[in-house]
Every structure is written in structure tokens, then in C-alpha cells.
Amino acid sequence: MQDEIIWILTVMSLCLNILNNLLNLLPKLPKKRKNDKQIIIM
């Protein structure tokens, strides 16, 4: 179980990093940045 949880967390962190990189490439959408930050907090 622990190995699966660690793997899932690793994949999720990679996905978040990719999303952050995409958002950094799209500075024209400040509203979406705020929404994504709220989702990450949740």
C-alpha cells in the first residue's frame, strides 16, 4: 500500500509541475492561475 501511495504522489507532483510550467508559458491568463492555486490547496 505504501509503495502505491508514494507512486501516486510522485505522479501527481509531476502533473502539477507540468501544469505550473504550462501556466508560466501562458501569462495572459491570470484568472486561471488563481483558480489552479486554489485547487492545489484543496
PDB file of N, CA and C in Angstrom:
ATOM      1  N   MET A   1       0.838  -1.214   0.000  1.00  0.00           N
ATOM      2  CA  MET A   1       0.000   0.000   0.000  1.00  0.00           C
ATOM      3  C   MET A   1       0.868   1.257   0.000  1.00  0.00           C
ATOM      4  N   GLN A   2       1.873   1.285   0.838  1.00  0.00           N
ATOM      5  CA  GLN A   2       2.697   2.500   0.931  1.00  0.00           C
ATOM      6  C   GLN A   2       3.385   2.780  -0.398  1.00  0.00           C
ATOM      7  N   ASP A   3       3.878   1.725  -1.055  1.00  0.00           N
ATOM      8  CA  ASP A   3       4.544   1.936  -2.336  1.00  0.00           C
ATOM      9  C   ASP A   3       3.573   2.544  -3.348  1.00  0.00           C
ATOM     10  N   GLU A   4       2.334   2.066  -3.351  1.00  0.00           N
ATOM     11  CA  GLU A   4       1.349   2.609  -4.296  1.00  0.00           C
ATOM     12  C   GLU A   4       1.071   4.074  -3.994  1.00  0.00           C
ATOM     13  N   ILE A   5       0.956   4.400  -2.713  1.00  0.00           N
ATOM     14  CA  ILE A   5       0.676   5.803  -2.339  1.00  0.00           C
ATOM     15  C   ILE A   5       1.836   6.696  -2.771  1.00  0.00           C
ATOM     16  N   ILE A   6       3.057   6.240  -2.527  1.00  0.00           N
ATOM     17  CA  ILE A   6       4.226   7.044  -2.913  1.00  0.00           C
ATOM     18  C   ILE A   6       4.237   7.245  -4.427  1.00  0.00           C
ATOM     19  N   TRP A   7       3.929   6.192  -5.181  1.00  0.00           N
ATOM     20  CA  TRP A   7       3.918   6.291  -6.641  1.00  0.00           C
ATOM     21  C   TRP A   7       2.860   7.282  -7.100  1.00  0.00           C
ATOM     22  N   ILE A   8       1.673   7.216  -6.506  1.00  0.00           N
ATOM     23  CA  ILE A   8       0.584   8.136  -6.874  1.00  0.00           C
ATOM     24  C   ILE A   8       0.991   9.572  -6.565  1.00  0.00           C
ATOM     25  N   LEU A   9       1.589   9.792  -5.396  1.00  0.00           N
ATOM     26  CA  LEU A   9       2.009  11.153  -5.038  1.00  0.00           C
ATOM     27  C   LEU A   9       3.076  11.655  -5.998  1.00  0.00           C
ATOM     28  N   THR A  10       3.966  10.781  -6.406  1.00  0.00           N
ATOM     29  CA  THR A  10       5.015  11.186  -7.354  1.00  0.00           C
ATOM     30  C   THR A  10       4.395  11.593  -8.686  1.00  0.00           C
ATOM     31  N   VAL A  11       3.469  10.794  -9.182  1.00  0.00           N
ATOM     32  CA  VAL A  11       2.812  11.112 -10.456  1.00  0.00           C
ATOM     33  C   VAL A  11       2.046  12.429 -10.335  1.00  0.00           C
ATOM     34  N   MET A  12       1.350  12.612  -9.222  1.00  0.00           N
ATOM     35  CA  MET A  12       0.580  13.852  -9.039  1.00  0.00           C
ATOM     36  C   MET A  12       1.507  15.061  -8.995  1.00  0.00           C
ATOM     37  N   SER A  13       2.634  14.931  -8.327  1.00  0.00           N
ATOM     38  CA  SER A  13       3.575  16.051  -8.247  1.00  0.00           C
ATOM     39  C   SER A  13       4.119  16.370  -9.641  1.00  0.00           C
ATOM     40  N   LEU A  14       4.389  15.336 -10.431  1.00  0.00           N
ATOM     41  CA  LEU A  14       4.876  15.576 -11.796  1.00  0.00           C
ATOM     42  C   LEU A  14       3.808  16.298 -12.612  1.00  0.00           C
ATOM     43  N   CYS A  15       2.557  15.872 -12.477  1.00  0.00           N
ATOM     44  CA  CYS A  15       1.460  16.525 -13.212  1.00  0.00           C
ATOM     45  C   CYS A  15       1.342  17.988 -12.785  1.00  0.00           C
ATOM     46  N   LEU A  16       1.471  18.261 -11.498  1.00  0.00           N
ATOM     47  CA  LEU A  16       1.376  19.643 -11.020  1.00  0.00           C
ATOM     48  C   LEU A  16       2.525  20.474 -11.572  1.00  0.00           C
ATOM     49  N   ASN A  17       3.700  19.889 -11.640  1.00  0.00           N
ATOM     50  CA  ASN A  17       4.844  20.617 -12.194  1.00  0.00           C
ATOM     51  C   ASN A  17       4.594  20.958 -13.660  1.00  0.00           C
ATOM     52  N   ILE A  18       4.046  20.009 -14.408  1.00  0.00           N
ATOM     53  CA  ILE A  18       3.753  20.259 -15.823  1.00  0.00           C
ATOM     54  C   ILE A  18       2.704  21.363 -15.949  1.00  0.00           C
ATOM     55  N   LEU A  19       1.666  21.307 -15.116  1.00  0.00           N
ATOM     56  CA  LEU A  19       0.628  22.344 -15.169  1.00  0.00           C
ATOM     57  C   LEU A  19       1.227  23.708 -14.848  1.00  0.00           C
ATOM     58  N   ASN A  20       2.101  23.760 -13.842  1.00  0.00           N
ATOM     59  CA  ASN A  20       2.717  25.037 -13.478  1.00  0.00           C
ATOM     60  C   ASN A  20       3.567  25.564 -14.632  1.00  0.00           C
ATOM     61  N   ASN A  21       4.282  24.680 -15.302  1.00  0.00           N
ATOM     62  CA  ASN A  21       5.098  25.109 -16.438  1.00  0.00           C
ATOM     63  C   ASN A  21       4.208  25.663 -17.550  1.00  0.00           C
ATOM     64  N   LEU A  22       3.092  24.999 -17.817  1.00  0.00           N
ATOM     65  CA  LEU A  22       2.175  25.479 -18.856  1.00  0.00           C
ATOM     66  C   LEU A  22       1.610  26.843 -18.470  1.00  0.00           C
ATOM     67  N   LEU A  23       1.267  27.012 -17.208  1.00  0.00           N
ATOM     68  CA  LEU A  23       0.717  28.292 -16.760  1.00  0.00           C
ATOM     69  C   LEU A  23       1.772  29.388 -16.880  1.00  0.00           C
ATOM     70  N   ASN A  24       3.015  29.056 -16.599  1.00  0.00           N
ATOM     71  CA  ASN A  24       4.077  30.054 -16.719  1.00  0.00           C
ATOM     72  C   ASN A  24       4.254  30.477 -18.173  1.00  0.00           C
ATOM     73  N   LEU A  25       3.939  29.577 -19.092  1.00  0.00           N
ATOM     74  CA  LEU A  25       4.048  29.910 -20.519  1.00  0.00           C
ATOM     75  C   LEU A  25       2.827  30.701 -20.987  1.00  0.00           C
ATOM     76  N   LEU A  26       1.800  30.776 -20.146  1.00  0.00           N
ATOM     77  CA  LEU A  26       0.577  31.492 -20.538  1.00  0.00           C
ATOM     78  C   LEU A  26       0.271  32.627 -19.549  1.00  0.00           C
ATOM     79  N   PRO A  27       1.114  33.661 -19.512  1.00  0.00           N
ATOM     80  CA  PRO A  27       0.884  34.769 -18.568  1.00  0.00           C
ATOM     81  C   PRO A  27      -0.366  35.582 -18.895  1.00  0.00           C
ATOM     82  N   LYS A  28      -0.963  35.308 -20.061  1.00  0.00           N
ATOM     83  CA  LYS A  28      -2.162  36.067 -20.456  1.00  0.00           C
ATOM     84  C   LYS A  28      -3.407  35.598 -19.701  1.00  0.00           C
ATOM     85  N   LEU A  29      -3.281  34.537 -18.881  1.00  0.00           N
ATOM     86  CA  LEU A  29      -4.456  34.002 -18.186  1.00  0.00           C
ATOM     87  C   LEU A  29      -4.254  34.048 -16.667  1.00  0.00           C
ATOM     88  N   PRO A  30      -4.239  35.240 -16.063  1.00  0.00           N
ATOM     89  CA  PRO A  30      -4.027  35.344 -14.615  1.00  0.00           C
ATOM     90  C   PRO A  30      -5.169  34.726 -13.814  1.00  0.00           C
ATOM     91  N   LYS A  31      -6.391  34.779 -14.345  1.00  0.00           N
ATOM     92  CA  LYS A  31      -7.531  34.230 -13.599  1.00  0.00           C
ATOM     93  C   LYS A  31      -7.363  32.723 -13.416  1.00  0.00           C
ATOM     94  N   LYS A  32      -6.941  32.022 -14.469  1.00  0.00           N
ATOM     95  CA  LYS A  32      -6.786  30.570 -14.352  1.00  0.00           C
ATOM     96  C   LYS A  32      -5.688  30.241 -13.346  1.00  0.00           C
ATOM     97  N   ARG A  33      -4.652  31.046 -13.269  1.00  0.00           N
ATOM     98  CA  ARG A  33      -3.588  30.798 -12.286  1.00  0.00           C
ATOM     99  C   ARG A  33      -4.172  30.796 -10.876  1.00  0.00           C
ATOM    100  N   LYS A  34      -4.980  31.788 -10.562  1.00  0.00           N
ATOM    101  CA  LYS A  34      -5.572  31.862  -9.219  1.00  0.00           C
ATOM    102  C   LYS A  34      -6.433  30.628  -8.953  1.00  0.00           C
ATOM    103  N   ASN A  35      -7.225  30.222  -9.941  1.00  0.00           N
ATOM    104  CA  ASN A  35      -8.082  29.051  -9.746  1.00  0.00           C
ATOM    105  C   ASN A  35      -7.237  27.799  -9.502  1.00  0.00           C
ATOM    106  N   ASP A  36      -6.137  27.648 -10.259  1.00  0.00           N
ATOM    107  CA  ASP A  36      -5.303  26.461 -10.094  1.00  0.00           C
ATOM    108  C   ASP A  36      -4.660  26.461  -8.705  1.00  0.00           C
ATOM    109  N   LYS A  37      -4.258  27.619  -8.219  1.00  0.00           N
ATOM    110  CA  LYS A  37      -3.665  27.665  -6.881  1.00  0.00           C
ATOM    111  C   LYS A  37      -4.691  27.211  -5.842  1.00  0.00           C
ATOM    112  N   GLN A  38      -5.932  27.618  -6.004  1.00  0.00           N
ATOM    113  CA  GLN A  38      -6.968  27.209  -5.058  1.00  0.00           C
ATOM    114  C   GLN A  38      -7.163  25.689  -5.124  1.00  0.00           C
ATOM    115  N   ILE A  39      -7.141  25.133  -6.326  1.00  0.00           N
ATOM    116  CA  ILE A  39      -7.334  23.687  -6.474  1.00  0.00           C
ATOM    117  C   ILE A  39      -6.174  22.946  -5.802  1.00  0.00           C
ATOM    118  N   ILE A  40      -4.942  23.434  -5.992  1.00  0.00           N
ATOM    119  CA  ILE A  40      -3.773  22.777  -5.398  1.00  0.00           C
ATOM    120  C   ILE A  40      -3.898  22.785  -3.874  1.00  0.00           C
ATOM    121  N   ILE A  41      -4.370  23.888  -3.303  1.00  0.00           N
ATOM    122  CA  ILE A  41      -4.521  23.977  -1.851  1.00  0.00           C
ATOM    123  C   ILE A  41      -5.516  22.911  -1.378  1.00  0.00           C
ATOM    124  N   MET A  42      -6.593  22.717  -2.137  1.00  0.00           N
ATOM    125  CA  MET A  42      -7.586  21.709  -1.759  1.00  0.00           C
ATOM    126  C   MET A  42      -6.975  20.320  -1.878  1.00  0.00           C
TER     127      MET A  42
END
